C-alpha atoms as a PDB file:
ATOM      1  CA  MET A   1     -18.143 155.829 148.072  1.00  0.00           C
ATOM      2  CA  ILE A   2     -18.012 159.532 149.187  1.00  0.00           C
ATOM      3  CA  SER A   3     -19.357 161.923 147.019  1.00  0.00           C
ATOM      4  CA  GLY A   4     -18.100 165.323 146.346  1.00  0.00           C
ATOM      5  CA  ALA A   5     -19.029 168.953 147.463  1.00  0.00           C
ATOM      6  CA  TRP A   6     -22.206 169.930 146.558  1.00  0.00           C
ATOM      7  CA  HIS A   7     -23.243 166.064 145.771  1.00  0.00           C
ATOM      8  CA  GLY A   8     -24.700 163.373 147.749  1.00  0.00           C
ATOM      9  CA  SER A   9     -24.993 159.274 147.520  1.00  0.00           C
ATOM     10  CA  TRP A  10     -27.718 159.759 144.626  1.00  0.00           C
ATOM     11  CA  CYS A  11     -24.460 160.651 142.327  1.00  0.00           C
ATOM     12  CA  TRP A  12     -23.247 157.068 142.686  1.00  0.00           C
ATOM     13  CA  ASN A  13     -26.529 155.043 141.836  1.00  0.00           C
ATOM     14  CA  LYS A  14     -25.299 154.232 138.306  1.00  0.00           C
ATOM     15  CA  ILE A  15     -21.696 153.206 139.845  1.00  0.00           C
ATOM     16  CA  VAL A  16     -23.494 151.600 142.697  1.00  0.00           C
ATOM     17  CA  SER A  17     -25.606 149.300 140.780  1.00  0.00           C
ATOM     18  CA  ARG A  18     -23.197 148.258 138.312  1.00  0.00           C
ATOM     19  CA  LEU A  19     -20.412 147.566 140.986  1.00  0.00           C
ATOM     20  CA  GLU A  20     -22.979 145.020 142.810  1.00  0.00           C
ATOM     21  CA  ARG A  21     -23.754 143.525 139.568  1.00  0.00           C
ATOM     22  CA  ALA A  22     -20.500 142.293 139.411  1.00  0.00           C
ATOM     23  CA  GLY A  23     -20.524 140.984 142.722  1.00  0.00           C
ATOM     24  CA  HIS A  24     -19.524 144.033 145.190  1.00  0.00           C
ATOM     25  CA  GLY A  25     -20.377 144.986 148.259  1.00  0.00           C
ATOM     26  CA  VAL A  26     -21.188 148.986 148.130  1.00  0.00           C
ATOM     27  CA  ILE A  27     -21.785 151.544 150.752  1.00  0.00           C
ATOM     28  CA  ALA A  28     -22.185 154.992 149.168  1.00  0.00           C
ATOM     29  CA  PRO A  29     -23.189 157.375 152.710  1.00  0.00           C
ATOM     30  CA  ASP A  30     -24.581 160.831 152.945  1.00  0.00           C
ATOM     31  CA  LEU A  31     -22.278 162.752 154.849  1.00  0.00           C
ATOM     32  CA  PRO A  32     -23.185 164.691 158.034  1.00  0.00           C
ATOM     33  CA  GLY A  33     -24.493 167.629 156.677  1.00  0.00           C
ATOM     34  CA  TYR A  34     -25.582 167.063 153.449  1.00  0.00           C
ATOM     35  CA  GLY A  35     -29.223 168.701 152.675  1.00  0.00           C
ATOM     36  CA  LEU A  36     -29.094 171.217 155.493  1.00  0.00           C
ATOM     37  CA  GLN A  37     -29.733 174.634 155.115  1.00  0.00           C
ATOM     38  CA  SER A  38     -27.457 177.600 157.105  1.00  0.00           C
ATOM     39  CA  PRO A  39     -26.677 177.954 159.797  1.00  0.00           C
ATOM     40  CA  PRO A  40     -26.433 174.369 161.076  1.00  0.00           C
ATOM     41  CA  LEU A  41     -24.265 174.429 158.275  1.00  0.00           C
ATOM     42  CA  ARG A  42     -21.594 176.251 159.989  1.00  0.00           C
ATOM     43  CA  ALA A  43     -21.144 173.723 162.506  1.00  0.00           C
ATOM     44  CA  ILE A  44     -20.263 171.475 159.958  1.00  0.00           C
ATOM     45  CA  THR A  45     -16.273 170.344 160.100  1.00  0.00           C
ATOM     46  CA  LEU A  46     -13.811 167.779 158.235  1.00  0.00           C
ATOM     47  CA  GLU A  47     -13.462 165.994 161.588  1.00  0.00           C
ATOM     48  CA  MET A  48     -17.320 165.369 161.849  1.00  0.00           C
ATOM     49  CA  TRP A  49     -17.187 163.638 158.179  1.00  0.00           C
ATOM     50  CA  THR A  50     -14.074 161.671 158.917  1.00  0.00           C
ATOM     51  CA  GLN A  51     -15.513 160.050 162.172  1.00  0.00           C
ATOM     52  CA  HIS A  52     -18.502 159.514 160.152  1.00  0.00           C
ATOM     53  CA  VAL A  53     -16.972 157.428 157.817  1.00  0.00           C
ATOM     54  CA  CYS A  54     -14.325 155.971 160.080  1.00  0.00           C
ATOM     55  CA  GLU A  55     -17.198 154.464 162.038  1.00  0.00           C
ATOM     56  CA  ILE A  56     -18.662 152.857 158.901  1.00  0.00           C
ATOM     57  CA  LEU A  57     -14.998 151.316 158.143  1.00  0.00           C
ATOM     58  CA  GLU A  58     -14.981 149.980 161.722  1.00  0.00           C
ATOM     59  CA  ALA A  59     -18.222 147.927 161.483  1.00  0.00           C
ATOM     60  CA  GLN A  60     -16.535 145.814 158.015  1.00  0.00           C
ATOM     61  CA  SER A  61     -14.746 142.829 158.522  1.00  0.00           C
ATOM     62  CA  GLU A  62     -12.077 143.496 156.431  1.00  0.00           C
ATOM     63  CA  PRO A  63     -10.243 146.293 154.992  1.00  0.00           C
ATOM     64  CA  VAL A  64     -12.261 148.319 151.982  1.00  0.00           C
ATOM     65  CA  THR A  65     -11.212 150.139 148.958  1.00  0.00           C
ATOM     66  CA  LEU A  66     -12.358 153.711 150.130  1.00  0.00           C
ATOM     67  CA  VAL A  67     -13.373 155.855 146.486  1.00  0.00           C
ATOM     68  CA  GLY A  68     -13.781 159.828 147.159  1.00  0.00           C
ATOM     69  CA  HIS A  69     -15.157 162.210 144.601  1.00  0.00           C
ATOM     70  CA  SER A  70     -13.695 165.629 143.800  1.00  0.00           C
ATOM     71  CA  ARG A  71     -13.807 167.168 147.592  1.00  0.00           C
ATOM     72  CA  ALA A  72     -14.338 163.751 149.104  1.00  0.00           C
ATOM     73  CA  GLY A  73      -9.832 163.463 148.711  1.00  0.00           C
ATOM     74  CA  ILE A  74      -9.807 165.013 151.556  1.00  0.00           C
ATOM     75  CA  VAL A  75     -12.119 162.660 153.480  1.00  0.00           C
ATOM     76  CA  LEU A  76     -10.226 159.817 152.328  1.00  0.00           C
ATOM     77  CA  SER A  77      -6.261 161.095 153.643  1.00  0.00           C
ATOM     78  CA  GLN A  78      -8.207 161.780 156.750  1.00  0.00           C
ATOM     79  CA  VAL A  79      -9.985 158.589 157.127  1.00  0.00           C
ATOM     80  CA  ALA A  80      -6.673 156.674 155.957  1.00  0.00           C
ATOM     81  CA  GLU A  81      -4.625 159.091 158.365  1.00  0.00           C
ATOM     82  CA  HIS A  82      -6.741 157.838 161.686  1.00  0.00           C
ATOM     83  CA  LEU A  83      -7.280 154.033 160.365  1.00  0.00           C
ATOM     84  CA  PRO A  84      -4.842 153.583 157.938  1.00  0.00           C
ATOM     85  CA  GLY A  85      -5.351 149.454 158.855  1.00  0.00           C
ATOM     86  CA  LYS A  86      -8.991 149.415 158.102  1.00  0.00           C
ATOM     87  CA  VAL A  87      -8.251 151.070 153.738  1.00  0.00           C
ATOM     88  CA  ARG A  88      -6.673 148.397 151.457  1.00  0.00           C
ATOM     89  CA  ASN A  89      -6.803 151.397 148.315  1.00  0.00           C
ATOM     90  CA  LEU A  90      -7.574 155.001 148.329  1.00  0.00           C
ATOM     91  CA  VAL A  91      -9.194 155.610 144.764  1.00  0.00           C
ATOM     92  CA  TYR A  92      -9.247 159.647 144.359  1.00  0.00           C
ATOM     93  CA  VAL A  93     -11.835 160.353 141.171  1.00  0.00           C
ATOM     94  CA  SER A  94     -10.915 163.889 140.101  1.00  0.00           C
ATOM     95  CA  GLY A  95     -10.052 164.106 143.994  1.00  0.00           C
ATOM     96  CA  PHE A  96      -8.162 166.812 146.076  1.00  0.00           C
ATOM     97  CA  LEU A  97      -5.209 164.195 146.816  1.00  0.00           C
ATOM     98  CA  LEU A  98      -3.585 167.507 149.015  1.00  0.00           C
ATOM     99  CA  GLN A  99       0.071 167.452 151.019  1.00  0.00           C
ATOM    100  CA  ALA A 100      -0.083 167.904 154.391  1.00  0.00           C
ATOM    101  CA  GLY A 101      -1.171 171.203 155.828  1.00  0.00           C
ATOM    102  CA  GLU A 102      -3.055 172.578 152.521  1.00  0.00           C
ATOM    103  CA  SER A 103      -6.360 172.941 152.485  1.00  0.00           C
ATOM    104  CA  ILE A 104      -8.913 173.120 149.194  1.00  0.00           C
ATOM    105  CA  LEU A 105      -9.222 176.624 149.273  1.00  0.00           C
ATOM    106  CA  ARG A 106      -5.522 177.320 149.339  1.00  0.00           C
ATOM    107  CA  VAL A 107      -4.831 174.534 146.779  1.00  0.00           C
ATOM    108  CA  LEU A 108      -7.263 176.455 144.308  1.00  0.00           C
ATOM    109  CA  ARG A 109      -6.587 179.927 144.879  1.00  0.00           C
ATOM    110  CA  ALA A 110      -2.851 179.332 144.105  1.00  0.00           C
ATOM    111  CA  ASP A 111      -3.564 177.579 140.883  1.00  0.00           C
ATOM    112  CA  GLY A 112      -6.216 179.842 139.784  1.00  0.00           C
ATOM    113  CA  SER A 113      -7.494 177.717 136.591  1.00  0.00           C
ATOM    114  CA  SER A 114     -10.564 176.365 138.478  1.00  0.00           C
ATOM    115  CA  ALA A 115     -13.736 177.610 137.295  1.00  0.00           C
ATOM    116  CA  LEU A 116     -14.681 176.971 140.641  1.00  0.00           C
ATOM    117  CA  LEU A 117     -13.105 180.296 141.463  1.00  0.00           C
ATOM    118  CA  THR A 118     -15.267 182.502 139.627  1.00  0.00           C
ATOM    119  CA  TYR A 119     -18.496 180.882 140.375  1.00  0.00           C
ATOM    120  CA  VAL A 120     -18.750 179.767 143.556  1.00  0.00           C
ATOM    121  CA  ASN A 121     -19.472 181.902 146.634  1.00  0.00           C
ATOM    122  CA  LEU A 122     -19.692 182.179 149.985  1.00  0.00           C
ATOM    123  CA  THR A 123     -23.277 182.663 151.605  1.00  0.00           C
ATOM    124  CA  HIS A 124     -24.133 185.770 153.456  1.00  0.00           C
ATOM    125  CA  ASP A 125     -23.875 183.835 156.890  1.00  0.00           C
ATOM    126  CA  LYS A 126     -20.484 182.507 155.792  1.00  0.00           C
ATOM    127  CA  GLY A 127     -22.153 178.914 156.489  1.00  0.00           C
ATOM    128  CA  ALA A 128     -22.021 177.551 153.186  1.00  0.00           C
ATOM    129  CA  TRP A 129     -20.803 177.479 149.531  1.00  0.00           C
ATOM    130  CA  VAL A 130     -23.103 178.069 147.065  1.00  0.00           C
ATOM    131  CA  VAL A 131     -22.830 177.309 143.118  1.00  0.00           C
ATOM    132  CA  ALA A 132     -23.900 179.681 140.225  1.00  0.00           C
ATOM    133  CA  GLU A 133     -26.959 178.008 139.004  1.00  0.00           C
ATOM    134  CA  THR A 134     -25.912 178.891 135.856  1.00  0.00           C
ATOM    135  CA  ALA A 135     -22.357 177.391 135.944  1.00  0.00           C
ATOM    136  CA  VAL A 136     -23.590 174.430 136.915  1.00  0.00           C
ATOM    137  CA  LYS A 137     -23.831 172.578 133.266  1.00  0.00           C
ATOM    138  CA  GLU A 138     -20.651 173.748 132.853  1.00  0.00           C
ATOM    139  CA  LEU A 139     -18.480 173.284 136.047  1.00  0.00           C
ATOM    140  CA  PHE A 140     -20.042 169.836 136.167  1.00  0.00           C
ATOM    141  CA  TYR A 141     -21.836 167.841 134.009  1.00  0.00           C
ATOM    142  CA  GLY A 142     -20.428 169.317 130.519  1.00  0.00           C
ATOM    143  CA  GLU A 143     -20.960 165.572 128.804  1.00  0.00           C
ATOM    144  CA  CYS A 144     -23.770 164.422 130.601  1.00  0.00           C
ATOM    145  CA  THR A 145     -27.418 163.863 129.351  1.00  0.00           C
ATOM    146  CA  ASP A 146     -30.039 166.374 130.063  1.00  0.00           C
ATOM    147  CA  SER A 147     -31.655 164.097 132.112  1.00  0.00           C
ATOM    148  CA  ASP A 148     -28.894 163.427 134.244  1.00  0.00           C
ATOM    149  CA  THR A 149     -28.203 166.622 134.384  1.00  0.00           C
ATOM    150  CA  ALA A 150     -31.723 167.887 135.756  1.00  0.00           C
ATOM    151  CA  PHE A 151     -31.996 164.801 137.992  1.00  0.00           C
ATOM    152  CA  ALA A 152     -28.149 166.159 139.844  1.00  0.00           C
ATOM    153  CA  SER A 153     -29.071 170.118 139.375  1.00  0.00           C
ATOM    154  CA  ALA A 154     -32.191 169.565 141.390  1.00  0.00           C
ATOM    155  CA  ARG A 155     -30.458 167.747 144.096  1.00  0.00           C
ATOM    156  CA  LEU A 156     -27.193 170.079 144.802  1.00  0.00           C
ATOM    157  CA  ALA A 157     -27.225 170.746 148.227  1.00  0.00           C
ATOM    158  CA  PRO A 158     -25.132 174.069 149.892  1.00  0.00           C
ATOM    159  CA  GLU A 159     -21.717 172.946 150.883  1.00  0.00           C
ATOM    160  CA  PRO A 160     -20.497 173.682 154.716  1.00  0.00           C
ATOM    161  CA  ALA A 161     -17.757 176.029 154.515  1.00  0.00           C
ATOM    162  CA  GLU A 162     -15.306 174.808 157.192  1.00  0.00           C
ATOM    163  CA  PRO A 163     -13.825 172.111 155.523  1.00  0.00           C
ATOM    164  CA  LEU A 164     -12.906 173.445 152.115  1.00  0.00           C
ATOM    165  CA  MET A 165     -10.678 175.861 154.208  1.00  0.00           C
ATOM    166  CA  THR A 166      -9.411 173.109 156.675  1.00  0.00           C
ATOM    167  CA  PRO A 167      -5.888 172.054 156.340  1.00  0.00           C
ATOM    168  CA  ILE A 168      -5.354 168.348 156.330  1.00  0.00           C
ATOM    169  CA  GLN A 169      -3.454 166.585 158.666  1.00  0.00           C
ATOM    170  CA  ILE A 170      -1.756 163.649 157.138  1.00  0.00           C
ATOM    171  CA  THR A 171       1.750 162.062 157.911  1.00  0.00           C
ATOM    172  CA  ALA A 172       4.231 159.506 156.319  1.00  0.00           C
ATOM    173  CA  GLY A 173       3.225 156.885 159.082  1.00  0.00           C
ATOM    174  CA  GLN A 174      -0.444 156.625 158.619  1.00  0.00           C
ATOM    175  CA  PHE A 175      -1.778 158.090 155.270  1.00  0.00           C
ATOM    176  CA  GLY A 176       1.379 157.619 153.842  1.00  0.00           C
ATOM    177  CA  ARG A 177       1.204 154.056 154.130  1.00  0.00           C
ATOM    178  CA  VAL A 178      -1.870 153.384 152.550  1.00  0.00           C
ATOM    179  CA  PRO A 179      -1.731 152.455 148.604  1.00  0.00           C
ATOM    180  CA  ARG A 180      -3.490 155.194 146.788  1.00  0.00           C
ATOM    181  CA  SER A 181      -4.457 155.775 142.866  1.00  0.00           C
ATOM    182  CA  TYR A 182      -5.885 158.428 140.768  1.00  0.00           C
ATOM    183  CA  ILE A 183      -8.877 158.528 137.996  1.00  0.00           C
ATOM    184  CA  GLU A 184      -8.070 161.626 136.154  1.00  0.00           C
ATOM    185  CA  CYS A 185     -11.200 163.926 134.352  1.00  0.00           C
ATOM    186  CA  LEU A 186      -9.402 164.971 130.958  1.00  0.00           C
ATOM    187  CA  ARG A 187     -12.078 167.828 130.447  1.00  0.00           C
ATOM    188  CA  ASP A 188     -12.947 168.176 134.007  1.00  0.00           C
ATOM    189  CA  LYS A 189     -13.547 172.237 134.428  1.00  0.00           C
ATOM    190  CA  ALA A 190     -13.516 172.197 138.211  1.00  0.00           C
ATOM    191  CA  ILE A 191     -10.676 169.910 138.330  1.00  0.00           C
ATOM    192  CA  PRO A 192      -8.786 170.932 135.764  1.00  0.00           C
ATOM    193  CA  LEU A 193      -6.344 168.422 134.361  1.00  0.00           C
ATOM    194  CA  ALA A 194      -2.987 170.318 135.038  1.00  0.00           C
ATOM    195  CA  LEU A 195      -3.952 170.402 138.718  1.00  0.00           C
ATOM    196  CA  GLN A 196      -5.046 166.765 138.948  1.00  0.00           C
ATOM    197  CA  ARG A 197      -1.550 165.966 138.103  1.00  0.00           C
ATOM    198  CA  LYS A 198      -0.010 168.015 139.595  1.00  0.00           C
ATOM    199  CA  MET A 199      -1.063 166.815 143.063  1.00  0.00           C
ATOM    200  CA  HIS A 200      -0.743 163.524 142.592  1.00  0.00           C
ATOM    201  CA  THR A 201       2.701 163.439 141.427  1.00  0.00           C
ATOM    202  CA  ALA A 202       3.386 165.643 144.757  1.00  0.00           C
ATOM    203  CA  SER A 203       1.742 162.500 146.269  1.00  0.00           C
ATOM    204  CA  PRO A 204       2.398 159.413 143.783  1.00  0.00           C
ATOM    205  CA  CYS A 205      -0.437 157.280 143.636  1.00  0.00           C
ATOM    206  CA  ARG A 206       0.294 153.296 142.734  1.00  0.00           C
ATOM    207  CA  GLN A 207      -1.879 153.767 139.387  1.00  0.00           C
ATOM    208  CA  VAL A 208      -3.310 156.550 137.531  1.00  0.00           C
ATOM    209  CA  LEU A 209      -5.812 155.525 135.271  1.00  0.00           C
ATOM    210  CA  THR A 210      -7.539 158.330 132.712  1.00  0.00           C
ATOM    211  CA  LEU A 211     -11.058 159.269 132.029  1.00  0.00           C
ATOM    212  CA  ASP A 212     -11.584 161.317 128.875  1.00  0.00           C
ATOM    213  CA  CYS A 213     -14.819 163.297 130.308  1.00  0.00           C
ATOM    214  CA  ASP A 214     -16.136 166.028 132.493  1.00  0.00           C
ATOM    215  CA  HIS A 215     -16.322 166.372 136.274  1.00  0.00           C
ATOM    216  CA  SER A 216     -19.057 163.459 136.995  1.00  0.00           C
ATOM    217  CA  PRO A 217     -18.064 160.726 135.382  1.00  0.00           C
ATOM    218  CA  PHE A 218     -20.740 158.914 136.820  1.00  0.00           C
ATOM    219  CA  PHE A 219     -22.697 160.281 135.044  1.00  0.00           C
ATOM    220  CA  SER A 220     -20.905 160.820 131.780  1.00  0.00           C
ATOM    221  CA  ALA A 221     -19.196 157.461 131.788  1.00  0.00           C
ATOM    222  CA  PRO A 222     -20.367 155.044 134.300  1.00  0.00           C
ATOM    223  CA  ASP A 223     -19.337 152.028 132.364  1.00  0.00           C
ATOM    224  CA  GLU A 224     -16.161 153.512 131.675  1.00  0.00           C
ATOM    225  CA  LEU A 225     -15.678 154.625 135.344  1.00  0.00           C
ATOM    226  CA  THR A 226     -16.753 151.278 136.976  1.00  0.00           C
ATOM    227  CA  GLU A 227     -14.539 149.395 134.726  1.00  0.00           C
ATOM    228  CA  GLN A 228     -11.726 151.189 135.755  1.00  0.00           C
ATOM    229  CA  LEU A 229     -12.780 150.790 139.570  1.00  0.00           C
ATOM    230  CA  LEU A 230     -13.047 147.331 139.055  1.00  0.00           C
ATOM    231  CA  ARG A 231      -9.095 147.216 137.965  1.00  0.00           C
ATOM    232  CA  LEU A 232      -8.479 148.710 141.091  1.00  0.00           C
ATOM    233  CA  VAL A 233     -10.384 146.464 143.160  1.00  0.00           C
ATOM    234  CA  THR A 234      -8.086 143.192 144.576  1.00  0.00           C
ATOM    235  CA  PRO A 235      -8.831 140.478 145.193  1.00  0.00           C
ATOM    236  CA  ALA A 236     -11.717 140.416 143.366  1.00  0.00           C
ATOM    237  CA  LYS A 237     -13.993 139.375 146.104  1.00  0.00           C
ATOM    238  CA  THR A 238     -13.288 142.752 148.136  1.00  0.00           C
ATOM    239  CA  GLY A 239     -15.764 145.117 148.793  1.00  0.00           C
ATOM    240  CA  VAL A 240     -16.001 148.648 147.080  1.00  0.00           C
ATOM    241  CA  GLN A 241     -16.690 151.398 150.028  1.00  0.00           C
END
């Protein structure tokens, strides 16, 4: 399970425990660079993230269901391009499901509807993206409890700049042969519903499920998100990675 921008593995805590109680093995790694400060963040690339997750998958005895939230969508797509035989299913949770040659920044600017465009800026050294503290609740945790919002806000870290500007490189012969599913978040202000639907319409998914929640269902709707993930994991005893 791969977390989205500014987030770490901690965002999956409630989901991991629920999936484990249901009998599934779960890995929720931090990506390289999480928690670092600039200038080291300037060295973080999408390829580094891809290789990190590929190494985890290569250590597994069987193909996995790979789950990614938001920005993690680009990691899912690149991992599937590199190791299609190790991925049983890709699950994009309000994730960036991009076309070959697209980048997150390009898609956001072309669409123009995301509040991220207003509240996210580059640091002075251009090594990282940061979110205005006053907008965190609105963007990510609009329907979350105060305690979950405080827990998460205290753990947000600068987001490496380069991966969000990097065009993904995928092909029909590799990425295209891996089954994929999409979980929509109806009240998402970071990745608005219309943009979610534009992406999964352009890259049709085997299943499209819906949650009536904000951008962070792992906090605002953990039971519902777990239920949907369990529906997508087949056969029943396959680990969710």
